[in-house]
N, C-alpha and C. Protein backbone atom coordinates (compact mmCIF):
# COMPACT_ATOMS: atom_id res chain seq x y z
N MET A 1 -15.75 -3.38 -8.70
CA MET A 1 -15.27 -2.19 -8.03
C MET A 1 -14.14 -1.60 -8.86
N GLU A 2 -14.17 -0.31 -9.08
CA GLU A 2 -13.14 0.37 -9.86
C GLU A 2 -12.14 1.06 -8.95
N PHE A 3 -10.94 1.23 -9.46
CA PHE A 3 -9.90 1.97 -8.75
C PHE A 3 -10.38 3.41 -8.56
N PRO A 4 -10.30 3.94 -7.34
CA PRO A 4 -10.80 5.30 -7.09
C PRO A 4 -9.83 6.38 -7.57
N LYS A 5 -9.55 6.37 -8.87
CA LYS A 5 -8.51 7.25 -9.41
C LYS A 5 -8.79 8.73 -9.20
N GLY A 6 -10.05 9.13 -9.23
CA GLY A 6 -10.38 10.54 -9.00
C GLY A 6 -10.03 10.97 -7.58
N GLU A 7 -10.42 10.15 -6.59
CA GLU A 7 -10.14 10.48 -5.20
C GLU A 7 -8.65 10.42 -4.90
N VAL A 8 -7.97 9.41 -5.45
CA VAL A 8 -6.53 9.28 -5.24
C VAL A 8 -5.81 10.48 -5.85
N GLY A 9 -6.21 10.87 -7.05
CA GLY A 9 -5.60 12.03 -7.70
C GLY A 9 -5.77 13.31 -6.90
N LYS A 10 -6.98 13.52 -6.36
CA LYS A 10 -7.23 14.71 -5.55
C LYS A 10 -6.36 14.69 -4.29
N ARG A 11 -6.21 13.51 -3.70
CA ARG A 11 -5.42 13.38 -2.47
C ARG A 11 -3.95 13.68 -2.77
N ILE A 12 -3.44 13.17 -3.89
CA ILE A 12 -2.05 13.43 -4.26
C ILE A 12 -1.84 14.92 -4.52
N ARG A 13 -2.77 15.55 -5.23
CA ARG A 13 -2.67 16.99 -5.48
C ARG A 13 -2.66 17.76 -4.16
N TYR A 14 -3.57 17.39 -3.24
CA TYR A 14 -3.64 18.06 -1.95
C TYR A 14 -2.31 17.92 -1.19
N LEU A 15 -1.77 16.69 -1.13
CA LEU A 15 -0.51 16.47 -0.41
C LEU A 15 0.65 17.22 -1.07
N ARG A 16 0.66 17.26 -2.39
CA ARG A 16 1.71 17.99 -3.11
C ARG A 16 1.64 19.48 -2.77
N ARG A 17 0.44 20.05 -2.83
CA ARG A 17 0.27 21.48 -2.58
C ARG A 17 0.58 21.85 -1.13
N VAL A 18 0.17 21.00 -0.19
CA VAL A 18 0.45 21.26 1.23
C VAL A 18 1.96 21.35 1.45
N GLN A 19 2.71 20.56 0.69
CA GLN A 19 4.17 20.57 0.84
C GLN A 19 4.84 21.64 -0.03
N GLY A 20 4.03 22.42 -0.74
CA GLY A 20 4.57 23.51 -1.54
C GLY A 20 5.33 23.07 -2.77
N LEU A 21 5.01 21.90 -3.29
CA LEU A 21 5.70 21.38 -4.48
C LEU A 21 4.90 21.69 -5.74
N THR A 22 5.60 21.96 -6.81
CA THR A 22 4.94 22.05 -8.12
C THR A 22 4.82 20.63 -8.66
N SER A 23 3.97 20.45 -9.65
CA SER A 23 3.83 19.12 -10.24
C SER A 23 5.14 18.70 -10.91
N ASP A 24 5.88 19.66 -11.45
CA ASP A 24 7.16 19.35 -12.07
C ASP A 24 8.17 18.88 -11.02
N GLU A 25 8.19 19.53 -9.86
CA GLU A 25 9.11 19.12 -8.79
C GLU A 25 8.78 17.72 -8.29
N LEU A 26 7.49 17.43 -8.13
CA LEU A 26 7.09 16.09 -7.69
C LEU A 26 7.46 15.06 -8.75
N ALA A 27 7.23 15.37 -10.00
CA ALA A 27 7.56 14.44 -11.09
C ALA A 27 9.04 14.10 -11.08
N LYS A 28 9.89 15.12 -10.96
CA LYS A 28 11.34 14.88 -10.95
C LYS A 28 11.75 14.04 -9.74
N SER A 29 11.19 14.36 -8.59
CA SER A 29 11.52 13.61 -7.37
C SER A 29 11.09 12.15 -7.46
N ALA A 30 9.94 11.91 -8.08
CA ALA A 30 9.40 10.55 -8.16
C ALA A 30 9.91 9.79 -9.38
N GLY A 31 10.56 10.50 -10.30
CA GLY A 31 11.08 9.83 -11.49
C GLY A 31 10.00 9.49 -12.51
N VAL A 32 8.97 10.33 -12.58
CA VAL A 32 7.91 10.16 -13.59
C VAL A 32 7.76 11.48 -14.34
N SER A 33 7.01 11.47 -15.41
CA SER A 33 6.85 12.70 -16.19
C SER A 33 5.85 13.64 -15.52
N GLN A 34 5.99 14.92 -15.83
CA GLN A 34 5.06 15.92 -15.31
C GLN A 34 3.66 15.66 -15.85
N SER A 35 3.56 15.19 -17.09
CA SER A 35 2.24 14.91 -17.66
C SER A 35 1.58 13.73 -16.93
N MET A 36 2.38 12.78 -16.45
CA MET A 36 1.83 11.67 -15.66
C MET A 36 1.24 12.20 -14.36
N ILE A 37 1.95 13.09 -13.69
CA ILE A 37 1.43 13.69 -12.45
C ILE A 37 0.12 14.41 -12.74
N SER A 38 0.08 15.17 -13.80
CA SER A 38 -1.12 15.91 -14.17
C SER A 38 -2.29 14.96 -14.43
N GLN A 39 -2.04 13.89 -15.17
CA GLN A 39 -3.10 12.91 -15.47
C GLN A 39 -3.59 12.21 -14.20
N ILE A 40 -2.66 11.87 -13.30
CA ILE A 40 -3.04 11.22 -12.04
C ILE A 40 -3.89 12.17 -11.21
N GLU A 41 -3.44 13.41 -11.05
CA GLU A 41 -4.15 14.37 -10.22
C GLU A 41 -5.54 14.70 -10.77
N ARG A 42 -5.72 14.63 -12.07
CA ARG A 42 -7.03 14.90 -12.67
C ARG A 42 -7.88 13.64 -12.78
N GLY A 43 -7.38 12.50 -12.25
CA GLY A 43 -8.15 11.26 -12.26
C GLY A 43 -8.31 10.65 -13.63
N GLN A 44 -7.40 10.94 -14.54
CA GLN A 44 -7.51 10.41 -15.90
C GLN A 44 -6.84 9.05 -16.07
N VAL A 45 -5.91 8.71 -15.16
CA VAL A 45 -5.23 7.42 -15.24
C VAL A 45 -5.19 6.79 -13.85
N SER A 46 -5.07 5.48 -13.83
CA SER A 46 -4.87 4.74 -12.58
C SER A 46 -3.38 4.47 -12.45
N PRO A 47 -2.73 5.09 -11.47
CA PRO A 47 -1.28 4.89 -11.33
C PRO A 47 -0.96 3.45 -10.93
N SER A 48 0.17 2.95 -11.40
CA SER A 48 0.62 1.62 -11.02
C SER A 48 1.05 1.63 -9.56
N LEU A 49 1.18 0.44 -8.98
CA LEU A 49 1.65 0.33 -7.60
C LEU A 49 3.05 0.94 -7.49
N GLU A 50 3.89 0.69 -8.48
CA GLU A 50 5.24 1.25 -8.46
C GLU A 50 5.20 2.77 -8.43
N THR A 51 4.33 3.38 -9.24
CA THR A 51 4.21 4.84 -9.25
C THR A 51 3.69 5.35 -7.91
N LEU A 52 2.72 4.66 -7.32
CA LEU A 52 2.22 5.07 -6.00
C LEU A 52 3.32 5.02 -4.96
N TRP A 53 4.17 3.98 -5.01
CA TRP A 53 5.28 3.88 -4.06
C TRP A 53 6.24 5.04 -4.25
N LYS A 54 6.56 5.36 -5.50
CA LYS A 54 7.47 6.47 -5.78
C LYS A 54 6.89 7.79 -5.26
N LEU A 55 5.61 8.00 -5.52
CA LEU A 55 4.96 9.23 -5.07
C LEU A 55 4.92 9.30 -3.54
N SER A 56 4.64 8.17 -2.90
CA SER A 56 4.58 8.17 -1.44
C SER A 56 5.95 8.51 -0.85
N HIS A 57 7.00 7.99 -1.46
CA HIS A 57 8.35 8.29 -0.96
C HIS A 57 8.68 9.77 -1.19
N SER A 58 8.36 10.28 -2.37
CA SER A 58 8.64 11.69 -2.68
C SER A 58 7.85 12.64 -1.80
N LEU A 59 6.61 12.27 -1.47
CA LEU A 59 5.76 13.11 -0.62
C LEU A 59 5.95 12.82 0.87
N LYS A 60 6.77 11.80 1.16
CA LYS A 60 7.06 11.41 2.54
C LYS A 60 5.79 11.07 3.33
N VAL A 61 4.93 10.28 2.68
CA VAL A 61 3.69 9.81 3.32
C VAL A 61 3.56 8.32 3.02
N PRO A 62 2.84 7.58 3.87
CA PRO A 62 2.58 6.18 3.56
C PRO A 62 1.70 6.06 2.32
N VAL A 63 1.90 5.00 1.56
CA VAL A 63 1.12 4.83 0.32
C VAL A 63 -0.37 4.79 0.61
N PHE A 64 -0.76 4.25 1.77
CA PHE A 64 -2.18 4.17 2.09
C PHE A 64 -2.80 5.54 2.33
N SER A 65 -1.98 6.56 2.57
CA SER A 65 -2.55 7.89 2.79
C SER A 65 -3.23 8.43 1.53
N PHE A 66 -2.92 7.88 0.37
CA PHE A 66 -3.60 8.30 -0.86
C PHE A 66 -5.06 7.86 -0.87
N PHE A 67 -5.41 6.91 0.00
CA PHE A 67 -6.77 6.39 0.05
C PHE A 67 -7.50 6.84 1.30
N ASP A 68 -6.82 7.55 2.19
CA ASP A 68 -7.37 7.94 3.48
C ASP A 68 -7.83 9.40 3.43
N THR A 69 -9.09 9.64 3.72
CA THR A 69 -9.61 11.01 3.70
C THR A 69 -9.98 11.49 5.09
N GLU A 70 -9.70 10.70 6.10
CA GLU A 70 -10.06 11.07 7.47
C GLU A 70 -9.12 12.14 8.02
N GLU A 71 -9.64 12.97 8.87
CA GLU A 71 -8.80 13.93 9.59
C GLU A 71 -8.04 13.17 10.67
N SER A 72 -6.88 13.67 11.03
CA SER A 72 -6.08 13.03 12.07
C SER A 72 -6.69 13.28 13.44
N ASN A 73 -6.89 12.22 14.19
CA ASN A 73 -7.39 12.30 15.56
C ASN A 73 -6.44 11.53 16.46
N ALA A 74 -6.42 11.87 17.74
CA ALA A 74 -5.56 11.17 18.69
C ALA A 74 -6.02 9.73 18.86
N VAL A 75 -7.32 9.49 18.81
CA VAL A 75 -7.88 8.15 18.92
C VAL A 75 -8.88 7.94 17.80
N THR A 76 -8.73 6.87 17.08
CA THR A 76 -9.66 6.55 16.00
C THR A 76 -10.08 5.10 16.14
N ILE A 77 -11.37 4.87 16.07
CA ILE A 77 -11.90 3.51 16.10
C ILE A 77 -12.57 3.26 14.76
N TYR A 78 -12.20 2.17 14.11
CA TYR A 78 -12.88 1.75 12.88
C TYR A 78 -13.79 0.59 13.26
N ARG A 79 -15.08 0.80 13.15
CA ARG A 79 -16.04 -0.28 13.39
C ARG A 79 -16.02 -1.22 12.19
N ALA A 80 -16.36 -2.48 12.43
CA ALA A 80 -16.29 -3.49 11.37
C ALA A 80 -17.02 -3.05 10.11
N GLU A 81 -18.17 -2.42 10.27
CA GLU A 81 -18.95 -2.00 9.10
C GLU A 81 -18.36 -0.75 8.43
N GLU A 82 -17.38 -0.12 9.06
CA GLU A 82 -16.79 1.10 8.51
C GLU A 82 -15.41 0.89 7.89
N VAL A 83 -14.90 -0.34 7.93
CA VAL A 83 -13.56 -0.62 7.41
C VAL A 83 -13.50 -0.23 5.94
N LYS A 84 -12.41 0.44 5.57
CA LYS A 84 -12.25 0.93 4.20
C LYS A 84 -11.52 -0.09 3.35
N ASN A 85 -12.14 -0.46 2.24
CA ASN A 85 -11.49 -1.34 1.29
C ASN A 85 -10.67 -0.48 0.34
N VAL A 86 -9.43 -0.86 0.16
CA VAL A 86 -8.55 -0.17 -0.77
C VAL A 86 -8.55 -0.97 -2.06
N LYS A 87 -8.64 -0.27 -3.16
CA LYS A 87 -8.70 -0.94 -4.47
C LYS A 87 -7.52 -1.88 -4.63
N ARG A 88 -7.80 -2.97 -5.28
CA ARG A 88 -6.77 -3.97 -5.54
C ARG A 88 -5.71 -3.43 -6.48
N VAL A 89 -4.46 -3.61 -6.08
CA VAL A 89 -3.36 -3.22 -6.97
C VAL A 89 -2.94 -4.41 -7.83
N ARG A 90 -3.32 -5.60 -7.40
CA ARG A 90 -3.19 -6.81 -8.20
C ARG A 90 -4.58 -7.43 -8.21
N PRO A 91 -4.94 -8.11 -9.27
CA PRO A 91 -6.32 -8.60 -9.39
C PRO A 91 -6.79 -9.50 -8.25
N ASN A 92 -5.88 -10.23 -7.63
CA ASN A 92 -6.30 -11.18 -6.60
C ASN A 92 -5.93 -10.73 -5.18
N VAL A 93 -5.52 -9.48 -5.01
CA VAL A 93 -5.14 -8.99 -3.68
C VAL A 93 -6.00 -7.79 -3.32
N SER A 94 -6.56 -7.81 -2.11
CA SER A 94 -7.29 -6.64 -1.64
C SER A 94 -6.82 -6.30 -0.23
N TYR A 95 -6.98 -5.04 0.11
CA TYR A 95 -6.55 -4.53 1.40
C TYR A 95 -7.72 -3.84 2.08
N GLN A 96 -7.78 -3.97 3.39
CA GLN A 96 -8.74 -3.24 4.19
C GLN A 96 -7.97 -2.43 5.22
N LEU A 97 -8.10 -1.12 5.17
CA LEU A 97 -7.44 -0.27 6.15
C LEU A 97 -8.10 -0.45 7.52
N LEU A 98 -7.30 -0.71 8.52
CA LEU A 98 -7.80 -0.90 9.87
C LEU A 98 -7.41 0.26 10.78
N SER A 99 -6.73 1.24 10.21
CA SER A 99 -6.31 2.42 10.97
C SER A 99 -6.16 3.58 10.02
N PRO A 100 -6.19 4.80 10.55
CA PRO A 100 -5.90 5.94 9.67
C PRO A 100 -4.42 5.88 9.32
N SER A 101 -4.06 6.38 8.17
CA SER A 101 -2.65 6.36 7.79
C SER A 101 -2.12 7.73 7.44
N SER A 102 -2.98 8.67 7.19
CA SER A 102 -2.54 10.00 6.80
C SER A 102 -1.85 10.67 7.97
N GLY A 103 -0.60 11.02 7.78
CA GLY A 103 0.15 11.70 8.82
C GLY A 103 0.57 10.79 9.96
N LYS A 104 0.39 9.51 9.82
CA LYS A 104 0.75 8.56 10.87
C LYS A 104 2.07 7.87 10.52
N GLN A 105 2.73 7.34 11.52
CA GLN A 105 3.99 6.65 11.30
C GLN A 105 3.80 5.16 11.12
N MET A 106 2.55 4.70 11.16
CA MET A 106 2.28 3.28 11.06
C MET A 106 0.95 3.07 10.35
N SER A 107 0.88 1.99 9.59
CA SER A 107 -0.38 1.56 8.97
C SER A 107 -0.72 0.17 9.48
N PHE A 108 -2.00 -0.09 9.63
CA PHE A 108 -2.50 -1.36 10.11
C PHE A 108 -3.57 -1.80 9.12
N PHE A 109 -3.43 -2.98 8.54
CA PHE A 109 -4.37 -3.38 7.50
C PHE A 109 -4.51 -4.89 7.41
N LYS A 110 -5.63 -5.31 6.81
CA LYS A 110 -5.89 -6.71 6.51
C LYS A 110 -5.59 -6.92 5.04
N MET A 111 -4.85 -7.97 4.72
CA MET A 111 -4.54 -8.30 3.34
C MET A 111 -5.18 -9.64 3.00
N ILE A 112 -5.98 -9.65 1.94
CA ILE A 112 -6.65 -10.86 1.48
C ILE A 112 -6.11 -11.20 0.10
N VAL A 113 -5.54 -12.40 -0.02
CA VAL A 113 -4.95 -12.82 -1.29
C VAL A 113 -5.66 -14.08 -1.76
N GLU A 114 -6.32 -13.96 -2.91
CA GLU A 114 -7.00 -15.11 -3.50
C GLU A 114 -5.96 -16.07 -4.08
N PRO A 115 -6.30 -17.37 -4.21
CA PRO A 115 -5.34 -18.31 -4.79
C PRO A 115 -5.07 -18.00 -6.27
N GLY A 116 -4.00 -18.59 -6.77
CA GLY A 116 -3.68 -18.44 -8.19
C GLY A 116 -2.75 -17.29 -8.46
N ASP A 117 -1.91 -16.96 -7.50
CA ASP A 117 -0.98 -15.85 -7.66
C ASP A 117 0.12 -16.19 -8.65
N ASP A 118 0.62 -15.17 -9.29
CA ASP A 118 1.72 -15.28 -10.23
C ASP A 118 3.03 -15.10 -9.47
N LEU A 119 3.96 -16.03 -9.64
CA LEU A 119 5.23 -15.94 -8.94
C LEU A 119 6.13 -14.83 -9.48
N ASP A 120 5.73 -14.20 -10.58
CA ASP A 120 6.53 -13.14 -11.17
C ASP A 120 6.01 -11.74 -10.81
N THR A 121 5.22 -11.62 -9.75
CA THR A 121 4.73 -10.30 -9.35
C THR A 121 5.94 -9.43 -8.99
N PRO A 122 5.83 -8.12 -9.20
CA PRO A 122 6.99 -7.25 -8.94
C PRO A 122 7.40 -7.26 -7.48
N LEU A 123 8.70 -7.13 -7.25
CA LEU A 123 9.22 -6.96 -5.90
C LEU A 123 8.95 -5.53 -5.45
N LEU A 124 8.62 -5.39 -4.18
CA LEU A 124 8.38 -4.07 -3.58
C LEU A 124 9.49 -3.77 -2.60
N TYR A 125 9.77 -2.51 -2.40
CA TYR A 125 10.68 -2.11 -1.33
C TYR A 125 10.39 -0.64 -1.02
N HIS A 126 10.48 -0.31 0.24
CA HIS A 126 10.16 1.03 0.71
C HIS A 126 10.74 1.17 2.10
N SER A 127 10.83 2.38 2.59
CA SER A 127 11.39 2.57 3.92
C SER A 127 10.43 2.04 4.98
N GLY A 128 10.98 1.69 6.12
CA GLY A 128 10.16 1.24 7.24
C GLY A 128 10.34 -0.23 7.54
N GLU A 129 9.41 -0.74 8.34
CA GLU A 129 9.41 -2.12 8.76
C GLU A 129 7.98 -2.64 8.65
N GLU A 130 7.83 -3.95 8.54
CA GLU A 130 6.48 -4.51 8.56
C GLU A 130 6.48 -5.87 9.22
N CYS A 131 5.32 -6.20 9.76
CA CYS A 131 5.14 -7.51 10.36
C CYS A 131 3.69 -7.92 10.15
N GLY A 132 3.49 -9.22 10.07
CA GLY A 132 2.15 -9.71 9.83
C GLY A 132 1.91 -11.03 10.51
N ILE A 133 0.64 -11.36 10.69
CA ILE A 133 0.23 -12.65 11.25
C ILE A 133 -0.81 -13.26 10.32
N MET A 134 -0.64 -14.54 10.03
CA MET A 134 -1.54 -15.28 9.15
C MET A 134 -2.77 -15.72 9.94
N LEU A 135 -3.94 -15.32 9.48
CA LEU A 135 -5.18 -15.73 10.12
C LEU A 135 -5.78 -16.96 9.45
N VAL A 136 -5.76 -16.97 8.11
CA VAL A 136 -6.35 -18.05 7.32
C VAL A 136 -5.43 -18.37 6.15
N GLY A 137 -5.22 -19.65 5.89
CA GLY A 137 -4.43 -20.05 4.73
C GLY A 137 -2.94 -19.88 4.95
N SER A 138 -2.22 -19.65 3.85
CA SER A 138 -0.77 -19.48 3.94
C SER A 138 -0.29 -18.54 2.84
N LEU A 139 0.90 -18.01 3.03
CA LEU A 139 1.52 -17.12 2.06
C LEU A 139 2.96 -17.53 1.84
N ARG A 140 3.39 -17.37 0.61
CA ARG A 140 4.80 -17.50 0.26
C ARG A 140 5.33 -16.07 0.24
N ILE A 141 6.30 -15.78 1.10
CA ILE A 141 6.84 -14.43 1.20
C ILE A 141 8.32 -14.49 0.83
N GLU A 142 8.67 -13.74 -0.19
CA GLU A 142 10.06 -13.67 -0.62
C GLU A 142 10.63 -12.34 -0.12
N VAL A 143 11.73 -12.44 0.63
CA VAL A 143 12.41 -11.25 1.13
C VAL A 143 13.88 -11.36 0.73
N GLU A 144 14.30 -10.44 -0.12
CA GLU A 144 15.68 -10.39 -0.62
C GLU A 144 16.13 -11.75 -1.14
N GLY A 145 15.25 -12.38 -1.94
CA GLY A 145 15.60 -13.64 -2.59
C GLY A 145 15.40 -14.88 -1.74
N GLU A 146 15.12 -14.72 -0.46
CA GLU A 146 14.90 -15.86 0.43
C GLU A 146 13.40 -16.11 0.57
N ILE A 147 12.99 -17.38 0.42
CA ILE A 147 11.57 -17.76 0.46
C ILE A 147 11.19 -18.19 1.88
N HIS A 148 10.06 -17.64 2.35
CA HIS A 148 9.52 -18.00 3.67
C HIS A 148 8.06 -18.37 3.48
N MET A 149 7.62 -19.46 4.06
CA MET A 149 6.21 -19.86 4.04
C MET A 149 5.65 -19.60 5.43
N ILE A 150 4.53 -18.86 5.47
CA ILE A 150 3.86 -18.70 6.76
C ILE A 150 2.45 -19.28 6.63
N HIS A 151 2.03 -19.93 7.69
CA HIS A 151 0.75 -20.62 7.74
C HIS A 151 -0.08 -20.04 8.89
N GLU A 152 -1.32 -20.46 8.96
CA GLU A 152 -2.24 -19.98 9.99
C GLU A 152 -1.57 -19.95 11.36
N GLY A 153 -1.60 -18.77 12.01
CA GLY A 153 -1.00 -18.61 13.33
C GLY A 153 0.45 -18.16 13.31
N ASP A 154 1.14 -18.29 12.17
CA ASP A 154 2.54 -17.86 12.07
C ASP A 154 2.60 -16.34 11.88
N SER A 155 3.72 -15.78 12.29
CA SER A 155 3.94 -14.35 12.05
C SER A 155 5.32 -14.15 11.45
N ILE A 156 5.52 -12.98 10.86
CA ILE A 156 6.79 -12.65 10.22
C ILE A 156 7.06 -11.16 10.42
N TYR A 157 8.34 -10.82 10.52
CA TYR A 157 8.79 -9.44 10.60
C TYR A 157 9.93 -9.28 9.61
N PHE A 158 10.01 -8.11 8.92
CA PHE A 158 11.17 -7.83 8.08
C PHE A 158 11.30 -6.33 7.83
N ASP A 159 12.50 -5.96 7.43
CA ASP A 159 12.82 -4.59 7.05
C ASP A 159 12.24 -4.35 5.67
N SER A 160 11.35 -3.37 5.53
CA SER A 160 10.64 -3.13 4.27
C SER A 160 11.55 -2.61 3.16
N SER A 161 12.75 -2.18 3.51
CA SER A 161 13.66 -1.69 2.47
C SER A 161 14.27 -2.84 1.68
N LEU A 162 14.10 -4.08 2.18
CA LEU A 162 14.56 -5.25 1.44
C LEU A 162 13.52 -5.60 0.38
N PRO A 163 13.94 -5.93 -0.84
CA PRO A 163 12.97 -6.29 -1.88
C PRO A 163 12.13 -7.49 -1.42
N HIS A 164 10.80 -7.36 -1.54
CA HIS A 164 9.92 -8.41 -1.05
C HIS A 164 8.66 -8.52 -1.90
N ARG A 165 8.00 -9.69 -1.82
CA ARG A 165 6.72 -9.90 -2.48
C ARG A 165 5.97 -11.01 -1.76
N PHE A 166 4.64 -10.97 -1.91
CA PHE A 166 3.74 -11.92 -1.28
C PHE A 166 3.03 -12.69 -2.39
N THR A 167 2.95 -14.00 -2.27
CA THR A 167 2.19 -14.78 -3.25
C THR A 167 1.41 -15.87 -2.51
N ASN A 168 0.22 -16.16 -3.02
CA ASN A 168 -0.60 -17.24 -2.49
C ASN A 168 -0.55 -18.38 -3.50
N ILE A 169 0.23 -19.39 -3.19
CA ILE A 169 0.35 -20.52 -4.11
C ILE A 169 -0.55 -21.68 -3.67
N GLY A 170 -1.38 -21.44 -2.65
CA GLY A 170 -2.29 -22.46 -2.14
C GLY A 170 -3.60 -22.51 -2.93
N ASP A 171 -4.54 -23.30 -2.40
CA ASP A 171 -5.83 -23.49 -3.04
C ASP A 171 -6.95 -22.70 -2.38
N GLU A 172 -6.66 -22.04 -1.27
CA GLU A 172 -7.67 -21.24 -0.58
C GLU A 172 -7.17 -19.82 -0.39
N LYS A 173 -8.09 -18.89 -0.16
CA LYS A 173 -7.66 -17.51 0.04
C LYS A 173 -6.89 -17.42 1.34
N SER A 174 -5.97 -16.48 1.38
CA SER A 174 -5.22 -16.22 2.60
C SER A 174 -5.67 -14.89 3.17
N VAL A 175 -5.73 -14.83 4.48
CA VAL A 175 -6.12 -13.61 5.18
C VAL A 175 -5.06 -13.36 6.25
N SER A 176 -4.48 -12.17 6.24
CA SER A 176 -3.46 -11.83 7.22
C SER A 176 -3.64 -10.38 7.67
N ILE A 177 -3.12 -10.09 8.84
CA ILE A 177 -3.15 -8.74 9.41
C ILE A 177 -1.71 -8.24 9.45
N TRP A 178 -1.53 -6.98 9.01
CA TRP A 178 -0.19 -6.40 8.89
C TRP A 178 -0.10 -5.04 9.57
N ALA A 179 1.07 -4.76 10.12
CA ALA A 179 1.42 -3.44 10.61
C ALA A 179 2.67 -3.03 9.85
N MET A 180 2.70 -1.78 9.41
CA MET A 180 3.82 -1.30 8.62
C MET A 180 4.19 0.10 9.10
N THR A 181 5.46 0.28 9.42
CA THR A 181 5.92 1.61 9.83
C THR A 181 6.43 2.37 8.62
N HIS A 182 6.51 3.67 8.76
CA HIS A 182 6.99 4.52 7.69
C HIS A 182 8.07 5.42 8.27
N SER A 183 9.30 5.16 7.91
CA SER A 183 10.40 6.01 8.40
C SER A 183 10.99 6.75 7.22
N PHE A 184 10.51 7.96 7.02
CA PHE A 184 10.97 8.76 5.88
C PHE A 184 12.10 9.66 6.30
């Protein structure tokens, strides 16, 4: 499966234009070059997770909204066979959107992490809060330098603005369900 760079680029262009921003204004706000914005919007490059986070903050939308093409409805049901897989931002991590995220204040998703994670994965931080529950396996979760292990049935909550990362140091895949708010 390839990163849907064409669709993501179109979505970023759409969100930028709806907000009345030029590509140069978005580039300055996100701290990337204008040529990078142009390449992303034309589907010529796959943006890094860090770049997606910067763009989501600058556009004041959840990062998952770059992958969501659904119209906003008051009630949305995702049937099991309709769940959207989001391209892996790390080779051993995949996400399944369980709710619409475009224009929403919360995202709900399943995170699957295969074993063999690198402990040097980049730290993430963004506005909002998140919480998750472990369904299968375990995760090592680092939040602001403090290590937390969660196992099947355990849950965790933290402020997303604190630097954090998830790693699977076990021998089996981990499956967890997460809710994440977006307070821009």
